[in-house]
Protein backbone atom coordinates (compact mmCIF):
# COMPACT_ATOMS: atom_id res chain seq x y z
CA UNK A 1 101.20 138.52 251.68
CA UNK A 2 97.91 139.12 250.05
CA UNK A 3 97.99 137.74 246.41
CA UNK A 4 100.22 136.01 244.00
CA UNK A 5 100.16 136.14 239.98
CA UNK A 6 102.63 134.50 237.65
CA UNK A 7 103.13 136.46 234.22
CA UNK A 8 101.87 134.75 231.31
CA UNK A 9 105.27 134.67 229.32
CA UNK A 10 108.14 135.76 231.58
CA UNK A 11 109.57 133.99 234.43
CA UNK A 12 108.10 136.72 236.77
CA UNK A 13 105.83 136.55 239.70
CA UNK A 14 103.93 139.69 240.97
CA UNK A 15 103.43 139.58 245.06
CA UNK A 16 101.08 141.79 246.54
CA UNK A 17 101.78 142.42 250.40
CA UNK A 18 99.96 144.40 252.98
CA UNK A 19 98.27 144.89 256.34
CA UNK A 20 96.55 147.23 258.47
CA UNK A 21 98.80 148.85 261.08
CA UNK A 22 96.25 149.00 263.79
CA UNK A 23 96.21 152.87 263.77
CA UNK A 24 94.86 154.06 260.45
CA UNK A 25 97.30 153.31 257.73
CA UNK A 26 97.36 150.36 255.13
CA UNK A 27 100.82 149.56 254.20
CA UNK A 28 102.37 147.28 251.63
CA UNK A 29 104.31 146.51 248.65
CA UNK A 30 104.09 145.26 245.11
CA UNK A 31 107.03 143.03 244.65
CA UNK A 32 108.21 141.32 241.20
CA UNK A 33 110.18 138.30 241.80
CA UNK A 34 112.51 137.32 239.02
CA UNK A 35 112.16 133.38 239.24
CA UNK A 36 115.31 132.79 236.98
CA UNK A 37 117.51 134.80 239.20
CA UNK A 38 115.88 135.39 242.48
CA UNK A 39 116.01 139.10 242.39
CA UNK A 40 113.07 140.90 244.14
CA UNK A 41 112.10 144.41 243.05
CA UNK A 42 109.78 146.46 244.99
CA UNK A 43 107.99 148.68 242.54
CA UNK A 44 105.66 151.22 244.19
CA UNK A 45 106.97 154.42 245.00
CA UNK A 46 104.70 154.82 247.99
CA UNK A 47 103.42 152.11 250.53
CA UNK A 48 100.09 150.48 249.65
CA UNK A 49 98.39 147.53 250.67
CA UNK A 50 97.97 145.31 247.34
CA UNK A 51 94.81 143.30 247.82
CA UNK A 52 94.58 141.62 244.30
CA UNK A 53 96.89 141.21 241.38
CA UNK A 54 95.84 139.75 238.03
CA UNK A 55 97.74 139.77 234.74
CA UNK A 56 95.55 140.71 231.94
CA UNK A 57 98.05 140.30 229.33
CA UNK A 58 101.72 140.20 228.94
CA UNK A 59 102.03 144.09 229.32
CA UNK A 60 99.04 144.94 231.57
CA UNK A 61 98.68 144.14 235.28
CA UNK A 62 95.37 144.91 237.18
CA UNK A 63 95.57 145.68 240.87
CA UNK A 64 93.14 146.21 243.43
CA UNK A 65 94.61 148.58 246.17
CA UNK A 66 93.44 149.33 249.86
CA UNK A 67 92.93 152.89 250.57
CA UNK A 68 96.01 154.59 251.96
CA UNK A 69 94.19 155.12 255.41
CA UNK A 70 90.97 154.98 257.12
CA UNK A 71 91.40 158.63 258.81
CA UNK A 72 88.47 160.15 257.00
CA UNK A 73 86.83 157.03 255.37
CA UNK A 74 84.88 154.41 257.58
CA UNK A 75 84.40 152.39 254.76
CA UNK A 76 87.95 151.93 253.94
CA UNK A 77 88.16 148.34 255.30
CA UNK A 78 85.48 147.55 252.67
CA UNK A 79 86.68 149.38 249.66
CA UNK A 80 89.73 149.40 247.23
CA UNK A 81 91.11 151.09 244.19
CA UNK A 82 91.30 149.06 241.03
CA UNK A 83 93.85 150.16 238.50
CA UNK A 84 95.64 148.70 235.33
CA UNK A 85 99.37 149.47 235.16
CA UNK A 86 101.10 148.83 231.93
CA UNK A 87 104.51 148.25 230.89
CA UNK A 88 106.22 147.37 227.62
CA UNK A 89 108.65 145.06 229.65
CA UNK A 90 107.80 143.83 233.08
CA UNK A 91 111.26 141.95 233.42
CA UNK A 92 113.12 145.65 233.45
CA UNK A 93 110.82 147.25 235.64
CA UNK A 94 112.88 149.36 238.48
CA UNK A 95 112.43 149.83 241.91
CA UNK A 96 109.85 152.35 243.06
CA UNK A 97 108.86 153.36 239.46
CA UNK A 98 105.08 152.91 239.63
CA UNK A 99 103.93 156.39 241.08
CA UNK A 100 100.97 157.62 242.80
CA UNK A 101 99.38 158.82 239.79
CA UNK A 102 98.89 155.43 238.00
CA UNK A 103 97.13 154.14 241.15
CA UNK A 104 94.59 156.96 241.32
CA UNK A 105 91.00 155.46 240.92
CA UNK A 106 87.61 155.73 242.77
CA UNK A 107 86.96 153.64 245.40
CA UNK A 108 84.80 150.52 245.00
CA UNK A 109 83.60 147.62 246.94
CA UNK A 110 86.58 145.35 247.64
CA UNK A 111 85.61 142.65 250.17
CA UNK A 112 88.59 141.09 252.08
CA UNK A 113 88.56 137.43 251.35
CA UNK A 114 90.37 135.30 253.92
CA UNK A 115 91.86 132.21 252.42
CA UNK A 116 94.30 131.21 255.19
CA UNK A 117 92.08 128.21 256.34
CA UNK A 118 92.17 126.75 252.96
CA UNK A 119 95.92 127.43 252.32
CA UNK A 120 96.72 125.86 255.94
CA UNK A 121 94.48 122.70 254.85
CA UNK A 122 96.50 122.40 251.51
CA UNK A 123 99.74 122.64 253.12
CA UNK A 124 98.88 120.12 255.72
CA UNK A 125 97.60 117.67 253.17
CA UNK A 126 100.68 117.90 251.05
CA UNK A 127 102.88 117.35 254.21
CA UNK A 128 100.78 114.36 255.23
CA UNK A 129 101.18 112.89 251.77
CA UNK A 130 105.02 113.24 252.34
CA UNK A 131 104.91 111.49 255.59
CA UNK A 132 105.27 114.87 257.78
CA UNK A 133 103.52 117.00 259.83
CA UNK A 134 103.20 120.82 258.88
CA UNK A 135 102.59 123.66 261.12
CA UNK A 136 102.83 127.37 260.94
CA UNK A 137 106.07 129.12 261.89
CA UNK A 138 106.50 132.63 261.26
CA UNK A 139 108.68 135.59 262.83
CA UNK A 140 110.80 134.99 265.48
CA UNK A 141 110.88 138.03 267.43
CA UNK A 142 113.53 137.17 270.30
CA UNK A 143 116.07 134.37 271.00
CA UNK A 144 118.30 133.63 273.86
CA UNK A 145 120.87 131.14 274.66
CA UNK A 146 121.04 129.11 277.85
CA UNK A 147 124.21 127.73 279.83
CA UNK A 148 123.29 124.40 278.97
CA UNK A 149 123.05 124.77 275.34
CA UNK A 150 119.35 125.17 275.23
CA UNK A 151 117.61 127.78 273.16
CA UNK A 152 114.74 129.94 274.06
CA UNK A 153 112.53 131.88 271.38
CA UNK A 154 109.44 133.81 271.05
CA UNK A 155 107.57 133.92 267.76
CA UNK A 156 104.25 134.66 266.16
CA UNK A 157 101.77 132.20 267.64
CA UNK A 158 104.08 131.07 270.40
CA UNK A 159 104.65 132.89 273.66
CA UNK A 160 107.77 131.00 274.15
CA UNK A 161 109.58 127.72 273.17
CA UNK A 162 112.71 125.99 274.18
CA UNK A 163 115.02 124.02 271.92
CA UNK A 164 117.41 121.08 272.96
CA UNK A 165 120.97 121.24 271.69
CA UNK A 166 119.86 118.19 269.71
CA UNK A 167 117.59 120.34 267.51
CA UNK A 168 114.48 118.86 269.16
CA UNK A 169 111.76 121.33 270.44
CA UNK A 170 111.58 120.82 274.22
CA UNK A 171 108.31 122.59 275.09
CA UNK A 172 106.30 125.43 273.78
CA UNK A 173 103.62 127.85 275.25
CA UNK A 174 101.07 129.01 272.53
CA UNK A 175 99.59 132.36 272.37
CA UNK A 176 96.85 133.97 270.05
CA UNK A 177 99.25 136.32 268.80
CA UNK A 178 102.59 135.41 270.04
CA UNK A 179 105.66 136.49 272.14
CA UNK A 180 107.89 139.57 271.34
CA UNK A 181 110.26 139.62 274.18
CA UNK A 182 112.19 137.42 276.48
CA UNK A 183 114.03 138.12 279.51
CA UNK A 184 115.68 135.73 282.00
CA UNK A 185 114.13 136.00 285.59
CA UNK A 186 116.43 136.68 288.44
CA UNK A 187 116.23 133.13 289.53
CA UNK A 188 118.16 131.81 286.63
CA UNK A 189 115.42 129.02 286.33
CA UNK A 190 112.56 131.05 284.57
CA UNK A 191 112.08 133.44 281.80
CA UNK A 192 109.52 136.49 281.41
CA UNK A 193 107.73 136.33 278.19
CA UNK A 194 105.80 139.35 276.89
CA UNK A 195 103.04 138.83 274.24
CA UNK A 196 102.04 141.23 271.32
CA UNK A 197 98.75 142.74 271.52
CA UNK A 198 98.06 144.85 268.59
CA UNK A 199 94.52 146.35 267.61
CA UNK A 200 92.45 144.06 265.26
CA UNK A 201 89.25 144.55 263.44
CA UNK A 202 86.42 142.15 264.14
CA UNK A 203 82.97 142.52 262.98
CA UNK A 204 83.58 145.85 261.86
CA UNK A 205 84.75 146.97 265.48
CA UNK A 206 88.51 147.61 266.69
CA UNK A 207 89.47 145.10 269.45
CA UNK A 208 92.44 144.53 271.40
CA UNK A 209 93.12 141.23 273.39
CA UNK A 210 94.17 141.43 277.17
CA UNK A 211 97.99 141.87 277.92
CA UNK A 212 99.92 138.79 278.75
CA UNK A 213 103.08 138.85 280.76
CA UNK A 214 104.02 135.46 282.19
CA UNK A 215 107.00 133.74 284.04
CA UNK A 216 107.65 130.48 282.67
CA UNK A 217 109.95 127.59 283.86
CA UNK A 218 112.79 127.43 281.54
CA UNK A 219 112.91 123.61 282.31
CA UNK A 220 109.44 122.45 281.89
CA UNK A 221 107.57 125.26 280.10
CA UNK A 222 105.13 125.69 282.90
CA UNK A 223 103.54 128.98 283.28
CA UNK A 224 104.55 129.96 286.93
CA UNK A 225 102.75 133.38 287.20
CA UNK A 226 101.10 135.94 285.17
CA UNK A 227 101.17 139.78 285.79
CA UNK A 228 97.86 141.59 285.16
CA UNK A 229 99.05 145.12 284.19
CA UNK A 230 95.79 146.25 282.68
CA UNK A 231 97.65 147.70 279.29
CA UNK A 232 100.23 146.08 277.21
CA UNK A 233 103.58 147.17 278.53
CA UNK A 234 107.15 146.64 277.29
CA UNK A 235 109.99 144.89 279.38
CA UNK A 236 112.94 147.26 279.85
CA UNK A 237 115.91 145.49 281.62
CA UNK A 238 119.36 146.17 282.80
CA UNK A 239 121.63 145.68 285.75
CA UNK A 240 119.51 142.73 287.05
CA UNK A 241 116.46 145.07 287.46
CA UNK A 242 113.57 145.07 285.23
CA UNK A 243 110.67 147.50 284.60
CA UNK A 244 107.75 147.56 282.56
CA UNK A 245 106.75 150.60 280.33
CA UNK A 246 103.13 150.88 279.47
CA UNK A 247 101.83 151.39 275.79
CA UNK A 248 98.88 153.45 276.31
CA UNK A 249 96.33 155.22 274.34
CA UNK A 250 97.63 158.12 272.19
CA UNK A 251 95.39 160.66 273.84
CA UNK A 252 97.29 159.71 277.35
CA UNK A 253 100.44 161.54 277.31
CA UNK A 254 101.99 160.49 280.59
CA UNK A 255 102.65 157.02 281.73
CA UNK A 256 104.62 155.56 284.43
CA UNK A 257 107.49 152.92 284.36
CA UNK A 258 106.65 150.18 286.67
CA UNK A 259 109.45 148.57 288.55
CA UNK A 260 108.88 145.08 289.46
CA UNK A 261 110.64 141.80 290.63
CA UNK A 262 109.47 138.32 291.37
CA UNK A 263 107.87 139.53 294.73
CA UNK A 264 105.48 141.78 292.77
CA UNK A 265 105.05 145.17 291.02
CA UNK A 266 105.88 148.66 292.53
CA UNK A 267 105.57 152.27 291.16
CA UNK A 268 108.18 153.56 289.17
CA UNK A 269 109.22 157.18 287.69
CA UNK A 270 107.03 159.07 285.05
CA UNK A 271 108.58 158.57 281.77
CA UNK A 272 105.72 160.24 279.45
CA UNK A 273 103.67 158.55 276.63
CA UNK A 274 105.21 156.00 274.80
CA UNK A 275 105.36 155.83 270.89
CA UNK A 276 105.44 152.64 269.16
CA UNK A 277 107.18 154.07 265.86
CA UNK A 278 109.63 156.49 267.90
CA UNK A 279 110.55 154.94 271.20
CA UNK A 280 111.55 151.42 270.64
CA UNK A 281 115.01 151.01 272.39
CA UNK A 282 115.78 147.81 273.60
CA UNK A 283 119.44 147.74 275.03
CA UNK A 284 121.00 144.14 275.11
CA UNK A 285 123.67 143.85 278.00
CA UNK A 286 122.50 147.04 279.73
CA UNK A 287 123.94 147.95 282.99
CA UNK A 288 120.82 149.76 283.94
CA UNK A 289 117.24 150.25 282.30
CA UNK A 290 117.40 152.80 279.40
CA UNK A 291 114.44 154.30 277.68
CA UNK A 292 113.73 156.95 275.23
CA UNK A 293 111.56 159.99 276.57
CA UNK A 294 110.10 163.07 275.01
CA UNK A 295 110.70 166.48 276.13
CA UNK A 296 107.21 167.83 275.32
CA UNK A 297 104.23 166.05 277.13
CA UNK A 298 101.88 167.04 274.25
CA UNK A 299 104.23 165.85 271.50
CA UNK A 300 106.20 163.09 273.17
CA UNK A 301 107.66 161.71 269.90
CA UNK A 302 109.67 165.00 269.29
CA UNK A 303 113.01 165.86 270.89
CA UNK A 304 113.51 162.49 272.31
CA UNK A 305 116.23 161.95 274.79
CA UNK A 306 118.25 158.75 275.91
CA UNK A 307 117.42 158.21 279.64
CA UNK A 308 118.64 155.75 282.23
CA UNK A 309 117.05 154.53 285.46
CA UNK A 310 119.34 155.08 288.34
CA UNK A 311 119.56 153.04 291.47
CA UNK A 312 117.56 155.59 293.49
CA UNK A 313 114.69 155.00 291.18
CA UNK A 314 115.15 158.48 289.25
CA UNK A 315 114.89 158.60 285.63
CA UNK A 316 117.77 160.86 284.26
CA UNK A 317 118.21 162.08 280.67
CA UNK A 318 121.66 161.60 279.44
CA UNK A 319 121.74 163.31 275.83
CA UNK A 320 119.43 163.66 272.76
CA UNK A 321 118.66 160.74 270.83
CA UNK A 322 119.42 162.45 267.66
CA UNK A 323 123.02 163.94 267.59
CA UNK A 324 121.95 166.27 264.46
CA UNK A 325 119.70 168.94 265.96
CA UNK A 326 117.46 169.37 262.74
CA UNK A 327 116.87 165.73 262.28
CA UNK A 328 114.08 163.49 263.80
CA UNK A 329 115.37 159.91 264.26
CA UNK A 330 113.19 156.82 264.84
CA UNK A 331 114.37 154.57 267.81
CA UNK A 332 115.56 151.06 267.37
CA UNK A 333 117.55 148.16 269.05
CA UNK A 334 120.85 148.84 270.98
CA UNK A 335 123.61 147.24 273.00
CA UNK A 336 125.94 148.51 275.74
CA UNK A 337 129.75 148.29 275.33
CA UNK A 338 131.48 149.39 278.68
CA UNK A 339 129.80 152.72 279.41
CA UNK A 340 128.89 153.68 275.89
CA UNK A 341 125.62 153.04 273.76
CA UNK A 342 125.55 151.46 270.30
CA UNK A 343 122.14 151.93 268.85
CA UNK A 344 120.34 151.80 265.35
CA UNK A 345 117.71 154.07 264.23
CA UNK A 346 116.54 155.85 261.01
CA UNK A 347 116.12 159.43 259.84
CA UNK A 348 112.60 160.56 259.54
CA UNK A 349 111.93 161.87 256.02
CA UNK A 350 108.45 162.92 254.61
CA UNK A 351 108.93 160.80 251.49
CA UNK A 352 110.00 157.72 253.50
CA UNK A 353 113.31 156.27 254.26
CA UNK A 354 116.29 157.93 252.08
CA UNK A 355 119.42 156.26 250.85
CA UNK A 356 121.80 156.08 253.79
CA UNK A 357 118.88 157.09 256.10
CA UNK A 358 119.35 154.00 258.50
CA UNK A 359 122.30 154.01 260.72
CA UNK A 360 124.24 152.17 263.57
CA UNK A 361 126.02 154.73 266.06
CA UNK A 362 128.39 154.42 269.02
CA UNK A 363 127.58 157.33 271.61
CA UNK A 364 130.11 157.97 274.55
CA UNK A 365 128.54 158.41 278.01
CA UNK A 366 128.55 162.46 277.36
CA UNK A 367 126.67 161.95 274.11
CA UNK A 368 129.78 162.29 271.54
CA UNK A 369 129.68 160.21 268.69
CA UNK A 370 132.52 157.76 268.45
CA UNK A 371 131.46 156.59 265.01
CA UNK A 372 128.46 155.82 262.78
CA UNK A 373 127.60 153.43 260.12
CA UNK A 374 125.02 154.36 257.36
CA UNK A 375 122.92 152.13 255.41
CA UNK A 376 119.64 152.04 253.16
CA UNK A 377 118.07 149.41 255.33
CA UNK A 378 116.51 149.61 258.71
CA UNK A 379 118.21 147.58 261.43
CA UNK A 380 116.05 144.97 263.14
CA UNK A 381 118.37 143.65 265.87
CA UNK A 382 121.78 144.47 267.49
CA UNK A 383 124.01 142.20 269.29
CA UNK A 384 127.69 142.39 270.57
CA UNK A 385 130.35 140.28 272.05
CA UNK A 386 132.33 143.19 273.05
CA UNK A 387 134.61 143.28 270.18
CA UNK A 388 132.21 143.19 267.18
CA UNK A 389 128.63 144.51 266.86
CA UNK A 390 126.33 142.12 264.70
CA UNK A 391 123.50 143.91 262.76
CA UNK A 392 120.57 142.29 261.37
CA UNK A 393 118.49 144.44 258.77
CA UNK A 394 115.24 143.79 256.72
CA UNK A 395 117.19 143.59 253.46
CA UNK A 396 118.36 140.09 254.74
CA UNK A 397 122.04 140.75 254.80
CA UNK A 398 123.62 140.79 258.28
CA UNK A 399 126.65 142.93 258.94
CA UNK A 400 129.38 142.81 261.57
CA UNK A 401 131.04 146.16 262.61
CA UNK A 402 134.20 146.80 264.72
CA UNK A 403 133.01 147.72 267.91
CA UNK A 404 136.07 150.06 268.36
CA UNK A 405 135.58 152.05 265.01
CA UNK A 406 132.50 150.81 263.26
CA UNK A 407 134.32 149.72 260.32
CA UNK A 408 132.75 146.58 258.40
CA UNK A 409 134.18 143.33 259.11
CA UNK A 410 131.84 141.35 257.02
CA UNK A 411 128.53 141.67 255.32
CA UNK A 412 126.72 138.65 253.98
CA UNK A 413 123.55 137.44 252.49
CA UNK A 414 121.43 135.00 254.61
CA UNK A 415 120.25 131.87 253.30
CA UNK A 416 119.31 128.44 254.49
CA UNK A 417 119.81 125.65 252.19
CA UNK A 418 119.91 128.13 249.17
CA UNK A 419 116.65 129.50 250.19
CA UNK A 420 117.23 133.30 251.27
CA UNK A 421 115.70 134.52 254.51
CA UNK A 422 116.02 137.64 256.97
CA UNK A 423 117.36 137.99 260.45
CA UNK A 424 114.64 139.62 263.09
CA UNK A 425 116.44 138.71 266.12
CA UNK A 426 120.04 138.19 267.37
CA UNK A 427 121.80 136.70 270.56
CA UNK A 428 125.30 135.68 271.38
CA UNK A 429 125.30 132.42 273.40
CA UNK A 430 127.16 131.74 276.59
CA UNK A 431 129.10 129.19 274.48
CA UNK A 432 130.28 131.78 272.20
CA UNK A 433 127.54 131.00 269.14
CA UNK A 434 125.31 133.45 267.41
CA UNK A 435 121.56 132.67 267.56
CA UNK A 436 119.50 134.20 264.53
CA UNK A 437 115.88 134.13 264.44
CA UNK A 438 114.30 134.71 261.08
CA UNK A 439 111.09 136.14 259.56
CA UNK A 440 110.26 132.54 258.45
CA UNK A 441 110.29 130.94 261.75
CA UNK A 442 113.68 129.64 262.12
CA UNK A 443 116.28 129.60 264.83
CA UNK A 444 119.73 129.32 263.38
CA UNK A 445 122.93 128.82 265.51
CA UNK A 446 126.13 130.25 263.74
CA UNK A 447 129.63 129.99 264.53
CA UNK A 448 131.42 133.41 264.89
């Protein structure tokens, strides 16, 4: 979130969001929150980072937007586009109705002001006045349940943490950016945690912190060992095996899977360049490691195939990721049921995600589509108990699908004490409960 502005008359809050994606795009939204109903409307037709919002009157809203990208503009991180958007009735403005023509304006100096420290001090003081301790909790990227009822989580600012069945936090290992993946080690007493390492701009330069992949004691939170991979790598697990898939520079079109165990790393097969947008394919409950690979070394994001790592160490292509030859599909989370895969993704379109463009699909071992479920919102996580597939999406409304035919069993809004939230990670525990990690830092345990 970048900026807030309350309408001078209506029960309406304008919220500007956005970020630099670490590559060359500035992305974000202008949200109108109806305070009387809780309805939220995203009004920009195309994604733009909104740096500042200010109501000039009941009909005029002044915006400062970051440039769309820094591809040809080295000063994009210091500039913005100031515009005034007018509507006779802002309370009736619809989704994606503010077009690019209304946002066209010359670039002007727009220094980015960081108010995070001030905001944190204010929240800490308010909590202290109420006799409580405040600390930041943000996106929970991974959750896992243990046999004894404890819960593990990885989230922004925390590499890994453990919670007791009583709801008390047992231990936490902090990290400057935070954990993204959790994988129980083969000893059953420790967990591998993988930290995010995205590019940041500091002092006008683009920097990336050193990768961090650590094995942590599940009982004490002690860091037992750290793997030095040299580059940020993703954990890929299946059938009691674990491999690392390096995430390398875009100019390097070839990379190798690195097999590792608790005794140390070893070389694995070549898998080609990993593309963060196209190639996520974390498969829960996998009988063997699965990855997405491209067929063209110069354009690895194109013509992706689902591939599996065999017991002999060979990587074999199973079937094309897109079952519609003319369509390009983005990768997403997955689960394995029997010998078939259920995975989520989205159909690429030049004007962004289209209605029905997100999906969950079940594919047979030969690639045949057993069923597909379409939606308007990308799926953030998948989990299954073998009978039901649970899908979390960025709309905040989880969906349960029949694993046999894909029909919807239930679809519900997610709220905690009346406050809406969205699920980011899912896991079914050994005790048959559904763990939900949310975008606002919560870990929920739900009955199935």
